[in-house]
PDB file of N, CA and C in Angstrom:
ATOM      1  N   UNK A   1       0.861  -1.079  -0.054  1.00  0.00           N
ATOM      2  CA  UNK A   1      -0.090   0.049  -0.109  1.00  0.00           C
ATOM      3  C   UNK A   1       0.696   1.136  -0.206  1.00  0.00           C
ATOM      4  N   UNK A   2       0.568   2.430  -0.873  1.00  0.00           N
ATOM      5  CA  UNK A   2       1.028   3.184  -0.736  1.00  0.00           C
ATOM      6  C   UNK A   2       0.098   4.529  -0.374  1.00  0.00           C
ATOM      7  N   UNK A   3       0.725   5.790  -0.298  1.00  0.00           N
ATOM      8  CA  UNK A   3      -0.427   6.858   0.317  1.00  0.00           C
ATOM      9  C   UNK A   3       0.078   7.891  -0.063  1.00  0.00           C
ATOM     10  N   UNK A   4      -0.558   8.858  -1.196  1.00  0.00           N
ATOM     11  CA  UNK A   4      -0.336  10.279  -1.395  1.00  0.00           C
ATOM     12  C   UNK A   4      -1.048  11.337  -1.175  1.00  0.00           C
ATOM     13  N   UNK A   5      -0.389  12.514  -0.871  1.00  0.00           N
ATOM     14  CA  UNK A   5      -1.267  13.582  -0.423  1.00  0.00           C
ATOM     15  C   UNK A   5      -1.312  14.648  -1.656  1.00  0.00           C
ATOM     16  N   UNK A   6      -2.280  15.147  -1.905  1.00  0.00           N
ATOM     17  CA  UNK A   6      -2.618  16.013  -3.363  1.00  0.00           C
ATOM     18  C   UNK A   6      -3.249  17.075  -2.998  1.00  0.00           C
ATOM     19  N   UNK A   7      -2.576  18.009  -3.827  1.00  0.00           N
ATOM     20  CA  UNK A   7      -3.128  19.480  -3.630  1.00  0.00           C
ATOM     21  C   UNK A   7      -3.514  19.977  -5.024  1.00  0.00           C
ATOM     22  N   UNK A   8      -4.917  19.920  -5.448  1.00  0.00           N
ATOM     23  CA  UNK A   8      -5.443  20.450  -6.585  1.00  0.00           C
ATOM     24  C   UNK A   8      -5.825  21.652  -6.787  1.00  0.00           C
ATOM     25  N   UNK A   9      -5.246  22.491  -7.975  1.00  0.00           N
ATOM     26  CA  UNK A   9      -5.692  24.162  -8.192  1.00  0.00           C
ATOM     27  C   UNK A   9      -6.092  24.028  -9.316  1.00  0.00           C
ATOM     28  N   UNK A  10      -7.061  24.788  -9.562  1.00  0.00           N
ATOM     29  CA  UNK A  10      -7.990  25.350 -10.466  1.00  0.00           C
ATOM     30  C   UNK A  10      -9.316  25.954  -9.980  1.00  0.00           C
ATOM     31  N   UNK A  11     -10.256  25.439 -11.111  1.00  0.00           N
ATOM     32  CA  UNK A  11     -11.434  25.520 -10.772  1.00  0.00           C
ATOM     33  C   UNK A  11     -11.987  24.553 -10.275  1.00  0.00           C
ATOM     34  N   UNK A  12     -11.750  24.074  -8.930  1.00  0.00           N
ATOM     35  CA  UNK A  12     -12.202  22.947  -8.341  1.00  0.00           C
ATOM     36  C   UNK A  12     -13.301  23.038  -6.909  1.00  0.00           C
ATOM     37  N   UNK A  13     -13.535  24.122  -6.873  1.00  0.00           N
ATOM     38  CA  UNK A  13     -14.627  24.368  -5.469  1.00  0.00           C
ATOM     39  C   UNK A  13     -15.857  24.696  -6.257  1.00  0.00           C
ATOM     40  N   UNK A  14     -16.792  24.309  -5.739  1.00  0.00           N
ATOM     41  CA  UNK A  14     -18.374  24.809  -6.113  1.00  0.00           C
ATOM     42  C   UNK A  14     -18.702  24.049  -7.565  1.00  0.00           C
ATOM     43  N   UNK A  15     -18.223  23.145  -8.047  1.00  0.00           N
ATOM     44  CA  UNK A  15     -18.443  22.563  -9.424  1.00  0.00           C
ATOM     45  C   UNK A  15     -18.458  21.037  -9.321  1.00  0.00           C
ATOM     46  N   UNK A  16     -18.615  20.154  -8.284  1.00  0.00           N
ATOM     47  CA  UNK A  16     -18.892  18.825  -7.810  1.00  0.00           C
ATOM     48  C   UNK A  16     -17.449  17.998  -7.903  1.00  0.00           C
ATOM     49  N   UNK A  17     -16.537  18.614  -7.881  1.00  0.00           N
ATOM     50  CA  UNK A  17     -15.052  17.772  -7.942  1.00  0.00           C
ATOM     51  C   UNK A  17     -14.909  16.881  -6.974  1.00  0.00           C
ATOM     52  N   UNK A  18     -15.273  17.290  -5.728  1.00  0.00           N
ATOM     53  CA  UNK A  18     -15.185  16.328  -4.522  1.00  0.00           C
ATOM     54  C   UNK A  18     -15.923  15.228  -4.492  1.00  0.00           C
ATOM     55  N   UNK A  19     -17.307  15.296  -5.212  1.00  0.00           N
ATOM     56  CA  UNK A  19     -18.219  14.244  -5.339  1.00  0.00           C
ATOM     57  C   UNK A  19     -17.479  13.264  -6.767  1.00  0.00           C
ATOM     58  N   UNK A  20     -17.338  13.646  -7.534  1.00  0.00           N
ATOM     59  CA  UNK A  20     -16.254  13.086  -8.554  1.00  0.00           C
ATOM     60  C   UNK A  20     -15.307  12.263  -8.008  1.00  0.00           C
ATOM     61  N   UNK A  21     -14.328  13.033  -7.318  1.00  0.00           N
ATOM     62  CA  UNK A  21     -13.056  12.189  -6.721  1.00  0.00           C
ATOM     63  C   UNK A  21     -13.645  11.000  -5.753  1.00  0.00           C
ATOM     64  N   UNK A  22     -14.441  11.520  -4.892  1.00  0.00           N
ATOM     65  CA  UNK A  22     -15.373  10.357  -4.079  1.00  0.00           C
ATOM     66  C   UNK A  22     -15.596   9.052  -5.078  1.00  0.00           C
ATOM     67  N   UNK A  23     -16.274   9.355  -6.021  1.00  0.00           N
ATOM     68  CA  UNK A  23     -16.678   8.369  -6.843  1.00  0.00           C
ATOM     69  C   UNK A  23     -15.626   7.639  -7.629  1.00  0.00           C
ATOM     70  N   UNK A  24     -14.645   8.174  -8.203  1.00  0.00           N
ATOM     71  CA  UNK A  24     -13.655   7.617  -8.924  1.00  0.00           C
ATOM     72  C   UNK A  24     -12.847   6.899  -7.854  1.00  0.00           C
ATOM     73  N   UNK A  25     -12.661   7.194  -6.607  1.00  0.00           N
ATOM     74  CA  UNK A  25     -11.795   6.556  -5.520  1.00  0.00           C
ATOM     75  C   UNK A  25     -12.612   5.278  -5.268  1.00  0.00           C
ATOM     76  N   UNK A  26     -13.960   5.611  -4.727  1.00  0.00           N
ATOM     77  CA  UNK A  26     -14.426   3.975  -4.671  1.00  0.00           C
ATOM     78  C   UNK A  26     -14.543   2.937  -5.712  1.00  0.00           C
ATOM     79  N   UNK A  27     -14.631   3.729  -7.101  1.00  0.00           N
ATOM     80  CA  UNK A  27     -14.632   2.609  -7.910  1.00  0.00           C
ATOM     81  C   UNK A  27     -13.256   2.026  -7.913  1.00  0.00           C
ATOM     82  N   UNK A  28     -12.128   2.434  -7.751  1.00  0.00           N
ATOM     83  CA  UNK A  28     -10.967   2.158  -8.034  1.00  0.00           C
ATOM     84  C   UNK A  28     -10.339   1.533  -6.464  1.00  0.00           C
ATOM     85  N   UNK A  29     -10.832   1.057  -5.619  1.00  0.00           N
ATOM     86  CA  UNK A  29     -10.835   0.971  -4.030  1.00  0.00           C
ATOM     87  C   UNK A  29      -9.595   1.693  -3.405  1.00  0.00           C
ATOM     88  N   UNK A  30      -9.799   3.015  -3.828  1.00  0.00           N
ATOM     89  CA  UNK A  30      -8.987   3.861  -3.144  1.00  0.00           C
ATOM     90  C   UNK A  30      -9.507   4.256  -1.838  1.00  0.00           C
ATOM     91  N   UNK A  31      -8.868   4.484  -0.689  1.00  0.00           N
ATOM     92  CA  UNK A  31      -9.218   4.823   0.484  1.00  0.00           C
ATOM     93  C   UNK A  31      -8.784   6.433   0.595  1.00  0.00           C
ATOM     94  N   UNK A  32      -9.225   7.273   1.955  1.00  0.00           N
ATOM     95  CA  UNK A  32      -8.649   8.176   2.390  1.00  0.00           C
ATOM     96  C   UNK A  32      -9.825   8.963   2.274  1.00  0.00           C
ATOM     97  N   UNK A  33      -9.743  10.394   1.925  1.00  0.00           N
ATOM     98  CA  UNK A  33     -10.471  11.539   1.875  1.00  0.00           C
ATOM     99  C   UNK A  33      -9.951  12.834   1.082  1.00  0.00           C
ATOM    100  N   UNK A  34     -11.239  13.573   0.781  1.00  0.00           N
ATOM    101  CA  UNK A  34     -11.155  14.789  -0.130  1.00  0.00           C
ATOM    102  C   UNK A  34     -11.527  15.883   0.768  1.00  0.00           C
ATOM    103  N   UNK A  35     -11.042  17.080   0.982  1.00  0.00           N
ATOM    104  CA  UNK A  35     -11.610  18.333   1.317  1.00  0.00           C
ATOM    105  C   UNK A  35     -11.170  19.564   0.540  1.00  0.00           C
ATOM    106  N   UNK A  36     -12.390  20.799   0.587  1.00  0.00           N
ATOM    107  CA  UNK A  36     -11.841  21.841   0.085  1.00  0.00           C
ATOM    108  C   UNK A  36     -10.990  22.656   1.088  1.00  0.00           C
ATOM    109  N   UNK A  37     -10.169  23.324   0.536  1.00  0.00           N
ATOM    110  CA  UNK A  37      -9.304  24.086   1.381  1.00  0.00           C
ATOM    111  C   UNK A  37      -9.653  25.861   1.279  1.00  0.00           C
ATOM    112  N   UNK A  38      -9.425  26.572   2.191  1.00  0.00           N
ATOM    113  CA  UNK A  38      -9.836  28.030   2.364  1.00  0.00           C
ATOM    114  C   UNK A  38      -9.406  28.927   1.064  1.00  0.00           C
ATOM    115  N   UNK A  39      -8.061  28.580   0.481  1.00  0.00           N
ATOM    116  CA  UNK A  39      -7.433  29.211  -0.293  1.00  0.00           C
ATOM    117  C   UNK A  39      -7.743  28.692  -2.000  1.00  0.00           C
ATOM    118  N   UNK A  40      -9.194  28.248  -1.935  1.00  0.00           N
ATOM    119  CA  UNK A  40     -10.012  27.524  -3.301  1.00  0.00           C
ATOM    120  C   UNK A  40      -9.001  26.109  -3.747  1.00  0.00           C
ATOM    121  N   UNK A  41      -8.297  25.673  -3.043  1.00  0.00           N
ATOM    122  CA  UNK A  41      -7.934  24.536  -3.703  1.00  0.00           C
ATOM    123  C   UNK A  41      -8.478  23.159  -2.768  1.00  0.00           C
ATOM    124  N   UNK A  42      -8.583  22.154  -3.382  1.00  0.00           N
ATOM    125  CA  UNK A  42      -8.763  20.790  -2.989  1.00  0.00           C
ATOM    126  C   UNK A  42      -7.526  20.066  -2.582  1.00  0.00           C
ATOM    127  N   UNK A  43      -7.758  19.279  -1.421  1.00  0.00           N
ATOM    128  CA  UNK A  43      -6.867  18.579  -0.533  1.00  0.00           C
ATOM    129  C   UNK A  43      -7.170  16.972  -0.768  1.00  0.00           C
ATOM    130  N   UNK A  44      -6.651  16.280  -1.363  1.00  0.00           N
ATOM    131  CA  UNK A  44      -6.890  14.588  -1.033  1.00  0.00           C
ATOM    132  C   UNK A  44      -5.525  13.775  -0.656  1.00  0.00           C
ATOM    133  N   UNK A  45      -6.322  13.029   0.148  1.00  0.00           N
ATOM    134  CA  UNK A  45      -5.243  11.840   0.880  1.00  0.00           C
ATOM    135  C   UNK A  45      -5.658  10.538   0.079  1.00  0.00           C
ATOM    136  N   UNK A  46      -4.721   9.799  -0.422  1.00  0.00           N
ATOM    137  CA  UNK A  46      -5.244   8.669  -1.222  1.00  0.00           C
ATOM    138  C   UNK A  46      -4.521   7.479  -1.056  1.00  0.00           C
ATOM    139  N   UNK A  47      -5.095   6.425  -0.627  1.00  0.00           N
ATOM    140  CA  UNK A  47      -4.318   5.412  -0.354  1.00  0.00           C
ATOM    141  C   UNK A  47      -4.698   4.065  -0.941  1.00  0.00           C
ATOM    142  N   UNK A  48      -4.042   3.345  -1.561  1.00  0.00           N
ATOM    143  CA  UNK A  48      -3.926   2.289  -2.313  1.00  0.00           C
ATOM    144  C   UNK A  48      -2.684   1.719  -3.246  1.00  0.00           C
ATOM    145  N   UNK A  49      -3.311   0.718  -4.110  1.00  0.00           N
ATOM    146  CA  UNK A  49      -1.887  -0.006  -4.580  1.00  0.00           C
ATOM    147  C   UNK A  49      -1.066   1.233  -5.839  1.00  0.00           C
ATOM    148  N   UNK A  50       0.009   1.079  -6.125  1.00  0.00           N
ATOM    149  CA  UNK A  50       0.295   1.953  -6.798  1.00  0.00           C
ATOM    150  C   UNK A  50      -0.216   2.267  -8.237  1.00  0.00           C
ATOM    151  N   UNK A  51      -0.509   0.949  -8.595  1.00  0.00           N
ATOM    152  CA  UNK A  51      -1.429   1.126 -10.009  1.00  0.00           C
ATOM    153  C   UNK A  51      -2.859   1.677 -10.007  1.00  0.00           C
ATOM    154  N   UNK A  52      -3.224   1.344  -9.228  1.00  0.00           N
ATOM    155  CA  UNK A  52      -4.654   2.251  -8.558  1.00  0.00           C
ATOM    156  C   UNK A  52      -4.442   3.559  -8.296  1.00  0.00           C
ATOM    157  N   UNK A  53      -3.430   3.708  -7.572  1.00  0.00           N
ATOM    158  CA  UNK A  53      -3.144   5.323  -7.420  1.00  0.00           C
ATOM    159  C   UNK A  53      -2.878   5.991  -8.479  1.00  0.00           C
ATOM    160  N   UNK A  54      -1.982   5.643  -9.285  1.00  0.00           N
ATOM    161  CA  UNK A  54      -1.466   6.102 -10.626  1.00  0.00           C
ATOM    162  C   UNK A  54      -2.849   6.497 -11.491  1.00  0.00           C
ATOM    163  N   UNK A  55      -3.817   5.544 -11.670  1.00  0.00           N
ATOM    164  CA  UNK A  55      -5.001   5.728 -12.625  1.00  0.00           C
ATOM    165  C   UNK A  55      -5.953   6.706 -11.900  1.00  0.00           C
ATOM    166  N   UNK A  56      -5.963   6.563 -10.525  1.00  0.00           N
ATOM    167  CA  UNK A  56      -6.990   7.603  -9.812  1.00  0.00           C
ATOM    168  C   UNK A  56      -6.296   9.088  -9.865  1.00  0.00           C
ATOM    169  N   UNK A  57      -4.971   9.306  -9.976  1.00  0.00           N
ATOM    170  CA  UNK A  57      -4.210  10.749 -10.131  1.00  0.00           C
ATOM    171  C   UNK A  57      -4.505  11.255 -11.637  1.00  0.00           C
ATOM    172  N   UNK A  58      -4.602  10.336 -12.524  1.00  0.00           N
ATOM    173  CA  UNK A  58      -4.790  10.370 -14.163  1.00  0.00           C
ATOM    174  C   UNK A  58      -6.445  10.929 -14.163  1.00  0.00           C
ATOM    175  N   UNK A  59      -7.095  10.342 -13.551  1.00  0.00           N
ATOM    176  CA  UNK A  59      -8.474  10.600 -13.596  1.00  0.00           C
ATOM    177  C   UNK A  59      -8.855  11.872 -13.184  1.00  0.00           C
ATOM    178  N   UNK A  60      -8.163  12.352 -11.631  1.00  0.00           N
ATOM    179  CA  UNK A  60      -8.201  13.651 -11.022  1.00  0.00           C
ATOM    180  C   UNK A  60      -7.770  14.788 -12.095  1.00  0.00           C
ATOM    181  N   UNK A  61      -6.672  14.385 -13.013  1.00  0.00           N
ATOM    182  CA  UNK A  61      -5.901  15.261 -13.555  1.00  0.00           C
ATOM    183  C   UNK A  61      -6.951  15.941 -14.821  1.00  0.00           C
ATOM    184  N   UNK A  62      -8.122  15.124 -14.880  1.00  0.00           N
ATOM    185  CA  UNK A  62      -8.641  14.873 -16.270  1.00  0.00           C
ATOM    186  C   UNK A  62      -9.846  16.136 -16.034  1.00  0.00           C
ATOM    187  N   UNK A  63     -10.259  16.863 -15.092  1.00  0.00           N
ATOM    188  CA  UNK A  63     -10.620  17.830 -15.368  1.00  0.00           C
ATOM    189  C   UNK A  63     -12.450  17.614 -15.579  1.00  0.00           C
ATOM    190  N   UNK A  64     -13.141  16.886 -14.735  1.00  0.00           N
ATOM    191  CA  UNK A  64     -14.301  16.387 -14.890  1.00  0.00           C
ATOM    192  C   UNK A  64     -15.203  17.520 -14.832  1.00  0.00           C
ATOM    193  N   UNK A  65     -16.548  17.444 -15.617  1.00  0.00           N
ATOM    194  CA  UNK A  65     -17.622  18.472 -15.722  1.00  0.00           C
ATOM    195  C   UNK A  65     -16.972  20.031 -15.712  1.00  0.00           C
ATOM    196  N   UNK A  66     -17.776  20.681 -14.849  1.00  0.00           N
ATOM    197  CA  UNK A  66     -17.209  22.113 -14.769  1.00  0.00           C
ATOM    198  C   UNK A  66     -15.954  22.458 -14.255  1.00  0.00           C
ATOM    199  N   UNK A  67     -15.147  21.661 -13.756  1.00  0.00           N
ATOM    200  CA  UNK A  67     -14.139  21.965 -13.151  1.00  0.00           C
ATOM    201  C   UNK A  67     -13.264  22.017 -14.125  1.00  0.00           C
ATOM    202  N   UNK A  68     -11.890  22.615 -13.962  1.00  0.00           N
ATOM    203  CA  UNK A  68     -10.859  22.842 -14.771  1.00  0.00           C
ATOM    204  C   UNK A  68      -9.461  22.587 -13.473  1.00  0.00           C
ATOM    205  N   UNK A  69      -8.849  21.405 -14.105  1.00  0.00           N
ATOM    206  CA  UNK A  69      -7.513  21.353 -13.034  1.00  0.00           C
ATOM    207  C   UNK A  69      -6.321  21.817 -13.747  1.00  0.00           C
ATOM    208  N   UNK A  70      -5.557  22.938 -12.701  1.00  0.00           N
ATOM    209  CA  UNK A  70      -4.457  23.562 -13.458  1.00  0.00           C
ATOM    210  C   UNK A  70      -3.316  22.944 -13.016  1.00  0.00           C
ATOM    211  N   UNK A  71      -2.889  22.437 -11.777  1.00  0.00           N
ATOM    212  CA  UNK A  71      -1.893  21.904 -10.912  1.00  0.00           C
ATOM    213  C   UNK A  71      -2.299  20.690 -10.221  1.00  0.00           C
ATOM    214  N   UNK A  72      -1.543  19.880  -9.925  1.00  0.00           N
ATOM    215  CA  UNK A  72      -1.752  18.734  -8.691  1.00  0.00           C
ATOM    216  C   UNK A  72      -0.537  18.519  -8.260  1.00  0.00           C
ATOM    217  N   UNK A  73      -0.042  19.064  -7.247  1.00  0.00           N
ATOM    218  CA  UNK A  73       1.093  18.874  -6.358  1.00  0.00           C
ATOM    219  C   UNK A  73       0.881  17.294  -5.672  1.00  0.00           C
ATOM    220  N   UNK A  74       1.838  16.404  -5.543  1.00  0.00           N
ATOM    221  CA  UNK A  74       1.624  15.217  -5.247  1.00  0.00           C
ATOM    222  C   UNK A  74       2.792  14.959  -4.249  1.00  0.00           C
ATOM    223  N   UNK A  75       2.568  14.417  -3.252  1.00  0.00           N
ATOM    224  CA  UNK A  75       3.718  14.087  -2.228  1.00  0.00           C
ATOM    225  C   UNK A  75       3.264  12.697  -1.518  1.00  0.00           C
ATOM    226  N   UNK A  76       4.267  11.806  -1.465  1.00  0.00           N
ATOM    227  CA  UNK A  76       4.084  10.595  -0.934  1.00  0.00           C
ATOM    228  C   UNK A  76       4.119  10.553   0.629  1.00  0.00           C
ATOM    229  N   UNK A  77       3.365  10.141   1.133  1.00  0.00           N
ATOM    230  CA  UNK A  77       3.178   9.693   2.760  1.00  0.00           C
ATOM    231  C   UNK A  77       3.347   8.703   3.397  1.00  0.00           C
ATOM    232  N   UNK A  78       3.607   8.109   4.432  1.00  0.00           N
ATOM    233  CA  UNK A  78       3.620   6.945   5.183  1.00  0.00           C
ATOM    234  C   UNK A  78       2.148   6.491   5.261  1.00  0.00           C
ATOM    235  N   UNK A  79       1.405   5.341   4.931  1.00  0.00           N
ATOM    236  CA  UNK A  79       0.080   4.892   4.834  1.00  0.00           C
ATOM    237  C   UNK A  79      -0.413   4.996   6.238  1.00  0.00           C
ATOM    238  N   UNK A  80      -1.846   5.678   6.540  1.00  0.00           N
ATOM    239  CA  UNK A  80      -2.378   5.418   7.625  1.00  0.00           C
ATOM    240  C   UNK A  80      -3.301   4.243   7.203  1.00  0.00           C
ATOM    241  N   UNK A  81      -4.194   4.227   8.574  1.00  0.00           N
ATOM    242  CA  UNK A  81      -5.157   2.950   8.777  1.00  0.00           C
ATOM    243  C   UNK A  81      -6.532   3.401   8.258  1.00  0.00           C
ATOM    244  N   UNK A  82      -6.920   3.772   6.790  1.00  0.00           N
ATOM    245  CA  UNK A  82      -8.165   4.244   6.301  1.00  0.00           C
ATOM    246  C   UNK A  82      -8.873   2.968   6.027  1.00  0.00           C
ATOM    247  N   UNK A  83     -10.442   3.047   6.377  1.00  0.00           N
ATOM    248  CA  UNK A  83     -11.125   2.061   5.987  1.00  0.00           C
ATOM    249  C   UNK A  83     -12.284   2.307   4.933  1.00  0.00           C
ATOM    250  N   UNK A  84     -12.047   3.504   4.536  1.00  0.00           N
ATOM    251  CA  UNK A  84     -13.085   4.182   3.423  1.00  0.00           C
ATOM    252  C   UNK A  84     -12.673   5.408   2.789  1.00  0.00           C
ATOM    253  N   UNK A  85     -13.184   5.850   1.383  1.00  0.00           N
ATOM    254  CA  UNK A  85     -12.856   7.166   1.305  1.00  0.00           C
ATOM    255  C   UNK A  85     -14.018   8.083   1.592  1.00  0.00           C
ATOM    256  N   UNK A  86     -13.609   9.434   1.830  1.00  0.00           N
ATOM    257  CA  UNK A  86     -14.864  10.217   2.516  1.00  0.00           C
ATOM    258  C   UNK A  86     -14.445  11.849   1.947  1.00  0.00           C
ATOM    259  N   UNK A  87     -15.502  12.121   1.862  1.00  0.00           N
ATOM    260  CA  UNK A  87     -15.680  13.822   1.693  1.00  0.00           C
ATOM    261  C   UNK A  87     -15.559  14.457   3.042  1.00  0.00           C
ATOM    262  N   UNK A  88     -14.648  15.106   3.617  1.00  0.00           N
ATOM    263  CA  UNK A  88     -14.783  15.911   4.515  1.00  0.00           C
ATOM    264  C   UNK A  88     -15.253  16.985   4.675  1.00  0.00           C
TER     265      UNK A  88
END
């Protein structure tokens, strides 16, 4: 298991981006969470297999719906003990 911390910038608040993120995380068996930050970015902590995480990050970068992803900062973290993926 690996875990990544992502900060997503662009037009990612008020456009359903967190719900999209939750949906793709659940479909890829990713655990962790997603939340809006005060600076209009979205923070994601994602845990799963390396291949699932790479596919998840690729989908996050796809700018679904009305969102627009300009940048994704990614840092690896030590894995925590998540049991699900949640919107905070």
